[in-house]
């Protein structure tokens, strides 16, 4: 195996949405009320920012993580060698029912299908609340987390898109040359045509629910 390939994938992720990872992970741990002694699962781990935060809270031997990307799984394993990290999807988890006290996921299954006409994720917390309730979860609550990231300039922000990193990068790469140029110009305009360093503030919706006894 080429360790440089795995490190490259992780570094590209860290440079992209991974900038927000540590802040999001800290917020999610509080939302999910994770405490020592629990066994927890990170679904859609990427290279492991949330996996690391979970391990710091409960110990790496009490943490499992899955991601459909072999490169991200290898990167996560390298960073967290004592966690149980596997290649898998949210729809087909390789664990028995009731194996964990808590499961944390970045995006539901709808966010997995990407094309250039479809947004990733959910626009309103009500949609997430309805989804959790439809699957039988109890005491469903929603909220939001605010996070920030600093950029040296517009190229620092946009480079991961041109490299095809992550869902958004894959969507950008799927466009023809004219489409990519339009997206870049529109992004620069919406950010206020920055010339120099700037900070972005982003919002993430969260939803929490409890699995009723007997639900598999």
Protein backbone atom coordinates (compact mmCIF):
# COMPACT_ATOMS: atom_id res chain seq x y z
CA UNK A 1 0.00 0.00 0.00
CA UNK A 2 1.16 3.52 -0.82
CA UNK A 3 1.05 5.45 2.46
CA UNK A 4 1.60 8.70 0.56
CA UNK A 5 -1.70 8.22 -1.28
CA UNK A 6 -3.59 7.83 2.00
CA UNK A 7 -1.82 10.80 3.55
CA UNK A 8 -2.56 12.84 0.42
CA UNK A 9 -6.28 12.09 0.62
CA UNK A 10 -6.36 13.02 4.30
CA UNK A 11 -4.38 16.23 3.76
CA UNK A 12 -6.71 17.27 0.93
CA UNK A 13 -9.73 16.68 3.19
CA UNK A 14 -8.09 18.60 6.04
CA UNK A 15 -7.51 21.54 3.69
CA UNK A 16 -11.16 21.48 2.59
CA UNK A 17 -14.07 20.78 4.98
CA UNK A 18 -11.64 19.35 7.51
CA UNK A 19 -10.83 22.91 8.58
CA UNK A 20 -14.12 22.86 10.45
CA UNK A 21 -13.73 19.30 11.76
CA UNK A 22 -12.37 19.94 15.25
CA UNK A 23 -15.01 22.56 16.05
CA UNK A 24 -17.84 20.43 14.68
CA UNK A 25 -16.60 17.36 16.55
CA UNK A 26 -16.45 19.23 19.86
CA UNK A 27 -19.99 20.48 19.34
CA UNK A 28 -21.36 17.08 18.32
CA UNK A 29 -19.87 15.38 21.38
CA UNK A 30 -21.79 17.78 23.58
CA UNK A 31 -24.99 17.45 21.56
CA UNK A 32 -24.82 13.65 21.71
CA UNK A 33 -23.91 13.74 25.42
CA UNK A 34 -20.98 11.39 24.91
CA UNK A 35 -19.36 10.33 28.18
CA UNK A 36 -16.62 7.99 29.33
CA UNK A 37 -17.49 4.31 29.42
CA UNK A 38 -19.66 4.45 26.30
CA UNK A 39 -18.96 2.58 23.08
CA UNK A 40 -19.47 4.86 20.08
CA UNK A 41 -19.57 4.65 16.27
CA UNK A 42 -18.49 7.34 13.79
CA UNK A 43 -20.42 6.87 10.51
CA UNK A 44 -18.82 8.57 7.51
CA UNK A 45 -15.59 9.24 9.36
CA UNK A 46 -13.46 10.60 6.53
CA UNK A 47 -9.85 10.68 7.73
CA UNK A 48 -11.06 10.89 11.32
CA UNK A 49 -11.54 14.33 12.92
CA UNK A 50 -14.63 13.15 14.81
CA UNK A 51 -13.08 9.73 15.44
CA UNK A 52 -10.17 11.43 17.20
CA UNK A 53 -12.46 13.59 19.32
CA UNK A 54 -14.49 10.52 20.31
CA UNK A 55 -11.31 8.64 21.22
CA UNK A 56 -10.16 11.53 23.39
CA UNK A 57 -13.48 11.36 25.24
CA UNK A 58 -14.07 7.59 25.65
CA UNK A 59 -10.76 5.97 24.68
CA UNK A 60 -9.78 4.67 21.23
CA UNK A 61 -10.60 1.03 22.09
CA UNK A 62 -14.23 2.09 22.63
CA UNK A 63 -14.49 3.75 19.21
CA UNK A 64 -15.45 2.26 15.83
CA UNK A 65 -15.61 4.15 12.54
CA UNK A 66 -16.74 3.42 8.99
CA UNK A 67 -16.32 5.21 5.67
CA UNK A 68 -16.92 4.05 2.07
CA UNK A 69 -13.55 5.44 0.93
CA UNK A 70 -10.62 2.98 1.37
CA UNK A 71 -8.15 5.89 1.29
CA UNK A 72 -9.94 7.69 4.11
CA UNK A 73 -10.20 4.47 6.12
CA UNK A 74 -6.47 3.85 5.83
CA UNK A 75 -5.74 7.45 6.80
CA UNK A 76 -8.08 7.18 9.79
CA UNK A 77 -6.45 3.90 10.84
CA UNK A 78 -3.02 5.49 10.63
CA UNK A 79 -4.14 8.36 12.84
CA UNK A 80 -6.17 6.19 15.24
CA UNK A 81 -4.49 2.74 15.29
CA UNK A 82 -6.44 1.49 18.33
CA UNK A 83 -9.89 2.30 16.96
CA UNK A 84 -11.90 -0.25 14.94
CA UNK A 85 -11.99 1.44 11.52
CA UNK A 86 -13.58 -0.32 8.52
CA UNK A 87 -14.68 0.28 4.95
CA UNK A 88 -18.49 0.32 5.01
CA UNK A 89 -21.57 2.43 4.31
CA UNK A 90 -24.27 3.66 6.66
CA UNK A 91 -26.79 1.40 4.94
CA UNK A 92 -24.76 -1.77 5.59
CA UNK A 93 -22.92 -1.43 8.89
CA UNK A 94 -20.68 -4.41 9.75
CA UNK A 95 -21.74 -4.51 13.41
CA UNK A 96 -24.45 -6.25 15.38
CA UNK A 97 -27.50 -4.40 16.66
CA UNK A 98 -27.14 -2.67 20.04
CA UNK A 99 -23.34 -2.77 19.78
CA UNK A 100 -23.00 0.95 20.55
CA UNK A 101 -24.30 3.47 23.03
CA UNK A 102 -24.20 6.26 20.44
CA UNK A 103 -23.69 6.69 16.69
CA UNK A 104 -22.67 10.00 15.12
CA UNK A 105 -22.91 10.73 11.35
CA UNK A 106 -21.99 13.72 9.25
CA UNK A 107 -24.64 13.26 6.53
CA UNK A 108 -27.65 10.99 6.00
CA UNK A 109 -27.88 8.70 2.99
CA UNK A 110 -29.56 11.33 0.79
CA UNK A 111 -26.30 13.27 0.75
CA UNK A 112 -24.48 10.35 -0.85
CA UNK A 113 -25.94 10.81 -4.35
CA UNK A 114 -24.17 13.74 -5.99
CA UNK A 115 -24.86 15.44 -9.29
CA UNK A 116 -24.46 19.00 -10.46
CA UNK A 117 -28.12 19.82 -9.98
CA UNK A 118 -28.58 18.53 -6.47
CA UNK A 119 -27.59 20.03 -3.12
CA UNK A 120 -25.80 17.99 -0.51
CA UNK A 121 -27.60 17.50 2.77
CA UNK A 122 -30.76 19.06 4.15
CA UNK A 123 -31.75 22.71 4.06
CA UNK A 124 -34.00 22.79 7.14
CA UNK A 125 -33.79 21.13 10.57
CA UNK A 126 -37.47 20.18 10.22
CA UNK A 127 -36.49 17.76 7.42
CA UNK A 128 -34.00 16.04 9.70
CA UNK A 129 -36.47 15.90 12.56
CA UNK A 130 -39.08 14.27 10.32
CA UNK A 131 -36.54 11.74 9.04
CA UNK A 132 -35.50 10.68 12.54
CA UNK A 133 -39.12 10.39 13.67
CA UNK A 134 -40.06 8.40 10.56
CA UNK A 135 -37.44 5.81 11.57
CA UNK A 136 -38.89 5.43 15.06
CA UNK A 137 -36.42 7.48 17.10
CA UNK A 138 -37.69 9.09 20.29
CA UNK A 139 -37.15 12.46 21.97
CA UNK A 140 -35.97 13.96 18.68
CA UNK A 141 -34.44 17.42 18.96
CA UNK A 142 -32.60 19.65 16.48
CA UNK A 143 -30.24 22.59 16.64
CA UNK A 144 -27.32 24.26 14.95
CA UNK A 145 -23.58 24.60 15.35
CA UNK A 146 -21.60 27.61 14.16
CA UNK A 147 -17.95 27.18 13.14
CA UNK A 148 -15.31 29.38 11.50
CA UNK A 149 -12.25 28.93 9.29
CA UNK A 150 -9.50 31.33 8.22
CA UNK A 151 -8.26 31.51 4.62
CA UNK A 152 -5.13 33.14 3.20
CA UNK A 153 -7.12 34.19 0.13
CA UNK A 154 -9.69 32.99 -2.39
CA UNK A 155 -7.27 30.48 -3.98
CA UNK A 156 -6.72 28.93 -0.55
CA UNK A 157 -10.47 28.34 -0.31
CA UNK A 158 -11.03 27.17 -3.88
CA UNK A 159 -8.04 24.88 -4.43
CA UNK A 160 -9.80 21.76 -3.04
CA UNK A 161 -12.61 22.24 -5.58
CA UNK A 162 -10.16 22.27 -8.48
CA UNK A 163 -8.55 19.14 -7.03
CA UNK A 164 -11.91 17.35 -6.92
CA UNK A 165 -11.79 16.90 -3.14
CA UNK A 166 -14.89 15.59 -1.37
CA UNK A 167 -18.53 15.75 -2.52
CA UNK A 168 -18.36 19.41 -3.52
CA UNK A 169 -15.09 18.91 -5.39
CA UNK A 170 -16.53 15.95 -7.27
CA UNK A 171 -19.57 18.04 -8.23
CA UNK A 172 -17.30 20.85 -9.46
CA UNK A 173 -15.12 18.45 -11.44
CA UNK A 174 -18.21 17.03 -13.17
CA UNK A 175 -18.86 20.38 -14.89
CA UNK A 176 -17.43 21.36 -18.25
CA UNK A 177 -14.81 24.10 -18.44
CA UNK A 178 -17.35 26.89 -18.91
CA UNK A 179 -19.38 25.62 -15.98
CA UNK A 180 -16.34 25.50 -13.72
CA UNK A 181 -15.39 29.04 -14.68
CA UNK A 182 -18.92 30.27 -13.91
CA UNK A 183 -18.91 28.56 -10.50
CA UNK A 184 -15.53 30.04 -9.60
CA UNK A 185 -16.55 33.54 -10.65
CA UNK A 186 -19.89 33.32 -8.82
CA UNK A 187 -18.22 32.01 -5.64
CA UNK A 188 -15.71 34.86 -5.71
CA UNK A 189 -18.51 37.39 -6.20
CA UNK A 190 -20.67 35.98 -3.40
CA UNK A 191 -17.75 36.21 -1.01
CA UNK A 192 -17.46 39.92 -1.77
CA UNK A 193 -14.63 39.64 -4.34
CA UNK A 194 -11.97 39.14 -1.64
CA UNK A 195 -8.37 40.20 -2.26
CA UNK A 196 -6.46 38.86 0.71
CA UNK A 197 -7.14 36.88 3.86
CA UNK A 198 -10.68 36.40 5.17
CA UNK A 199 -12.69 34.30 7.62
CA UNK A 200 -15.80 32.27 6.85
CA UNK A 201 -18.52 31.35 9.33
CA UNK A 202 -20.53 28.22 8.60
CA UNK A 203 -23.64 26.64 10.10
CA UNK A 204 -24.28 22.93 10.54
CA UNK A 205 -27.66 21.47 11.48
CA UNK A 206 -27.72 18.65 14.01
CA UNK A 207 -30.42 16.20 15.01
CA UNK A 208 -30.46 13.89 18.03
CA UNK A 209 -32.77 10.98 18.79
CA UNK A 210 -32.95 7.97 21.09
CA UNK A 211 -33.39 4.40 19.93
CA UNK A 212 -36.36 2.81 21.75
CA UNK A 213 -35.79 -0.50 23.48
CA UNK A 214 -36.28 -3.39 21.09
CA UNK A 215 -35.63 -1.35 17.89
CA UNK A 216 -32.92 -2.93 15.71
